[in-house]
Amino acid sequence: MDQTNPVPDPERTPGLRPSVGVPPGETPPAEDGLSEAGPQETYNPTRGWSKGPTIIIWAFVVLFAAFCVAFAIAVL
């Protein structure tokens, strides 16, 4: 590689063979991910939402549906 041509020359690059390329020992190892970088998670609930928030959300849904039905009846 020289200043005018950034592409490496296979004739002058050590470890680079023209027909094979770079042999396995010449390259650095692959980079690991960050999946195990943090502390181990000890609290992982197996069940979904608790009953309280689910009941509250469904109550709002039912009240909204009842309001929409009552409004539609009042408009007609």
N, C-alpha and C. Protein backbone atom coordinates (compact mmCIF):
# COMPACT_ATOMS: atom_id res chain seq x y z
N MET A 1 0.86 -1.17 0.00
CA MET A 1 0.00 0.00 0.00
C MET A 1 0.91 1.24 0.00
N ASP A 2 0.59 2.18 -0.84
CA ASP A 2 1.36 3.43 -0.87
C ASP A 2 0.39 4.61 -0.71
N GLN A 3 0.91 5.82 -0.76
CA GLN A 3 0.11 7.01 -0.50
C GLN A 3 -0.93 7.27 -1.58
N THR A 4 -0.66 6.90 -2.81
CA THR A 4 -1.59 7.20 -3.89
C THR A 4 -2.65 6.13 -4.08
N ASN A 5 -2.35 4.88 -3.72
CA ASN A 5 -3.29 3.78 -3.91
C ASN A 5 -3.55 3.11 -2.57
N PRO A 6 -4.73 3.30 -1.97
CA PRO A 6 -4.99 2.70 -0.66
C PRO A 6 -5.28 1.20 -0.71
N VAL A 7 -5.41 0.61 -1.89
CA VAL A 7 -5.67 -0.82 -2.00
C VAL A 7 -4.36 -1.57 -1.78
N PRO A 8 -4.32 -2.58 -0.89
CA PRO A 8 -3.07 -3.29 -0.64
C PRO A 8 -2.62 -4.10 -1.85
N ASP A 9 -1.34 -4.10 -2.07
CA ASP A 9 -0.74 -4.85 -3.17
C ASP A 9 -0.46 -6.27 -2.69
N PRO A 10 -1.04 -7.31 -3.31
CA PRO A 10 -0.82 -8.67 -2.83
C PRO A 10 0.64 -9.12 -2.92
N GLU A 11 1.41 -8.52 -3.77
CA GLU A 11 2.82 -8.89 -3.91
C GLU A 11 3.65 -8.39 -2.73
N ARG A 12 3.25 -7.26 -2.13
CA ARG A 12 4.05 -6.67 -1.06
C ARG A 12 3.42 -6.79 0.32
N THR A 13 2.21 -7.28 0.43
CA THR A 13 1.54 -7.41 1.71
C THR A 13 1.91 -8.73 2.36
N PRO A 14 2.47 -8.71 3.59
CA PRO A 14 2.85 -9.98 4.22
C PRO A 14 1.61 -10.78 4.63
N GLY A 15 1.66 -12.08 4.40
CA GLY A 15 0.58 -12.98 4.79
C GLY A 15 -0.55 -13.06 3.79
N LEU A 16 -0.52 -12.29 2.71
CA LEU A 16 -1.58 -12.30 1.72
C LEU A 16 -1.11 -13.05 0.49
N ARG A 17 -1.77 -14.17 0.23
CA ARG A 17 -1.41 -14.96 -0.95
C ARG A 17 -2.41 -14.67 -2.06
N PRO A 18 -1.96 -14.49 -3.28
CA PRO A 18 -2.85 -14.08 -4.37
C PRO A 18 -4.00 -15.05 -4.64
N SER A 19 -3.78 -16.34 -4.56
CA SER A 19 -4.85 -17.28 -4.90
C SER A 19 -5.72 -17.63 -3.70
N VAL A 20 -5.20 -17.52 -2.50
CA VAL A 20 -5.92 -17.95 -1.30
C VAL A 20 -6.51 -16.78 -0.53
N GLY A 21 -5.81 -15.69 -0.47
CA GLY A 21 -6.23 -14.56 0.35
C GLY A 21 -5.49 -14.59 1.67
N VAL A 22 -6.13 -14.21 2.73
CA VAL A 22 -5.51 -14.15 4.04
C VAL A 22 -5.69 -15.51 4.73
N PRO A 23 -4.61 -16.13 5.20
CA PRO A 23 -4.75 -17.41 5.90
C PRO A 23 -5.41 -17.20 7.26
N PRO A 24 -6.00 -18.25 7.84
CA PRO A 24 -6.77 -18.11 9.08
C PRO A 24 -6.00 -17.54 10.26
N GLY A 25 -4.73 -17.79 10.40
CA GLY A 25 -3.99 -17.29 11.56
C GLY A 25 -3.59 -15.83 11.47
N GLU A 26 -3.77 -15.19 10.35
CA GLU A 26 -3.32 -13.81 10.14
C GLU A 26 -4.36 -12.76 10.55
N THR A 27 -5.60 -13.15 10.74
CA THR A 27 -6.64 -12.18 11.07
C THR A 27 -6.96 -12.23 12.56
N PRO A 28 -7.39 -11.12 13.15
CA PRO A 28 -7.77 -11.14 14.56
C PRO A 28 -9.06 -11.92 14.76
N PRO A 29 -9.32 -12.39 15.97
CA PRO A 29 -10.56 -13.14 16.22
C PRO A 29 -11.78 -12.25 16.07
N ALA A 30 -12.90 -12.87 15.84
CA ALA A 30 -14.15 -12.13 15.69
C ALA A 30 -14.52 -11.45 17.00
N GLU A 31 -15.25 -10.36 16.88
CA GLU A 31 -15.65 -9.59 18.06
C GLU A 31 -16.85 -10.24 18.73
N ASP A 32 -16.81 -10.33 20.06
CA ASP A 32 -17.94 -10.86 20.81
C ASP A 32 -19.01 -9.79 20.96
N GLY A 33 -20.22 -10.22 21.22
CA GLY A 33 -21.31 -9.29 21.46
C GLY A 33 -21.32 -8.83 22.90
N LEU A 34 -22.31 -8.03 23.25
CA LEU A 34 -22.44 -7.51 24.61
C LEU A 34 -23.54 -8.21 25.38
N SER A 35 -23.94 -9.40 24.94
CA SER A 35 -25.07 -10.05 25.58
C SER A 35 -24.78 -10.46 27.02
N GLU A 36 -23.56 -10.72 27.36
CA GLU A 36 -23.22 -11.13 28.73
C GLU A 36 -22.36 -10.09 29.45
N ALA A 37 -22.50 -8.82 29.06
CA ALA A 37 -21.64 -7.79 29.64
C ALA A 37 -22.15 -7.29 30.99
N GLY A 38 -23.45 -7.31 31.21
CA GLY A 38 -24.00 -6.76 32.44
C GLY A 38 -24.13 -7.79 33.54
N PRO A 39 -24.67 -7.36 34.67
CA PRO A 39 -24.86 -8.30 35.78
C PRO A 39 -25.94 -9.32 35.43
N GLN A 40 -25.88 -10.46 36.06
CA GLN A 40 -26.86 -11.50 35.79
C GLN A 40 -28.21 -11.10 36.37
N GLU A 41 -29.26 -11.23 35.58
CA GLU A 41 -30.60 -10.86 36.01
C GLU A 41 -31.18 -11.98 36.86
N THR A 42 -31.54 -11.63 38.09
CA THR A 42 -32.07 -12.65 38.99
C THR A 42 -33.59 -12.61 39.06
N TYR A 43 -34.20 -11.46 38.76
CA TYR A 43 -35.66 -11.35 38.82
C TYR A 43 -36.20 -11.36 37.41
N ASN A 44 -36.85 -12.42 37.05
CA ASN A 44 -37.47 -12.53 35.74
C ASN A 44 -38.84 -13.17 35.93
N PRO A 45 -39.89 -12.35 36.01
CA PRO A 45 -41.21 -12.93 36.27
C PRO A 45 -41.65 -13.84 35.12
N THR A 46 -42.20 -14.98 35.49
CA THR A 46 -42.64 -15.93 34.47
C THR A 46 -44.05 -15.64 34.01
N ARG A 47 -44.82 -14.93 34.81
CA ARG A 47 -46.19 -14.60 34.42
C ARG A 47 -46.24 -13.21 33.84
N GLY A 48 -47.32 -12.94 33.13
CA GLY A 48 -47.49 -11.63 32.50
C GLY A 48 -47.85 -10.56 33.51
N TRP A 49 -48.68 -9.64 33.09
CA TRP A 49 -49.10 -8.55 33.96
C TRP A 49 -49.88 -9.11 35.14
N SER A 50 -49.84 -8.37 36.24
CA SER A 50 -50.64 -8.79 37.39
C SER A 50 -52.11 -8.50 37.11
N LYS A 51 -52.98 -9.02 37.93
CA LYS A 51 -54.41 -8.90 37.68
C LYS A 51 -54.92 -7.47 37.84
N GLY A 52 -54.34 -6.71 38.75
CA GLY A 52 -54.82 -5.34 39.00
C GLY A 52 -54.77 -4.43 37.78
N PRO A 53 -53.60 -4.23 37.18
CA PRO A 53 -53.54 -3.35 36.00
C PRO A 53 -54.38 -3.87 34.83
N THR A 54 -54.45 -5.17 34.67
CA THR A 54 -55.25 -5.73 33.58
C THR A 54 -56.73 -5.43 33.79
N ILE A 55 -57.22 -5.56 35.02
CA ILE A 55 -58.62 -5.27 35.31
C ILE A 55 -58.92 -3.79 35.10
N ILE A 56 -58.01 -2.92 35.52
CA ILE A 56 -58.21 -1.48 35.34
C ILE A 56 -58.27 -1.11 33.86
N ILE A 57 -57.39 -1.67 33.06
CA ILE A 57 -57.38 -1.38 31.62
C ILE A 57 -58.69 -1.87 30.98
N TRP A 58 -59.11 -3.08 31.33
CA TRP A 58 -60.36 -3.60 30.77
C TRP A 58 -61.56 -2.77 31.22
N ALA A 59 -61.53 -2.25 32.44
CA ALA A 59 -62.63 -1.39 32.91
C ALA A 59 -62.72 -0.13 32.06
N PHE A 60 -61.56 0.48 31.76
CA PHE A 60 -61.56 1.66 30.89
C PHE A 60 -62.06 1.32 29.48
N VAL A 61 -61.69 0.17 28.98
CA VAL A 61 -62.15 -0.25 27.64
C VAL A 61 -63.66 -0.41 27.63
N VAL A 62 -64.20 -1.06 28.65
CA VAL A 62 -65.66 -1.27 28.72
C VAL A 62 -66.38 0.06 28.88
N LEU A 63 -65.86 0.96 29.73
CA LEU A 63 -66.49 2.27 29.89
C LEU A 63 -66.45 3.07 28.60
N PHE A 64 -65.35 3.02 27.88
CA PHE A 64 -65.24 3.74 26.61
C PHE A 64 -66.22 3.17 25.58
N ALA A 65 -66.32 1.84 25.52
CA ALA A 65 -67.26 1.22 24.58
C ALA A 65 -68.69 1.59 24.94
N ALA A 66 -69.02 1.59 26.24
CA ALA A 66 -70.37 1.97 26.67
C ALA A 66 -70.66 3.43 26.32
N PHE A 67 -69.68 4.30 26.49
CA PHE A 67 -69.85 5.71 26.12
C PHE A 67 -70.10 5.84 24.62
N CYS A 68 -69.33 5.10 23.82
CA CYS A 68 -69.50 5.18 22.36
C CYS A 68 -70.89 4.69 21.94
N VAL A 69 -71.35 3.61 22.54
CA VAL A 69 -72.69 3.09 22.22
C VAL A 69 -73.76 4.09 22.65
N ALA A 70 -73.64 4.64 23.85
CA ALA A 70 -74.62 5.62 24.34
C ALA A 70 -74.62 6.87 23.46
N PHE A 71 -73.47 7.31 23.03
CA PHE A 71 -73.37 8.49 22.16
C PHE A 71 -74.01 8.21 20.81
N ALA A 72 -73.77 7.00 20.27
CA ALA A 72 -74.37 6.65 18.98
C ALA A 72 -75.89 6.58 19.08
N ILE A 73 -76.41 6.07 20.18
CA ILE A 73 -77.86 6.01 20.37
C ILE A 73 -78.44 7.41 20.53
N ALA A 74 -77.73 8.30 21.25
CA ALA A 74 -78.22 9.66 21.46
C ALA A 74 -78.22 10.46 20.16
N VAL A 75 -77.28 10.21 19.28
CA VAL A 75 -77.20 10.96 18.03
C VAL A 75 -78.31 10.54 17.08
N LEU A 76 -78.65 9.27 17.08
CA LEU A 76 -79.71 8.79 16.19
C LEU A 76 -81.02 9.33 16.67
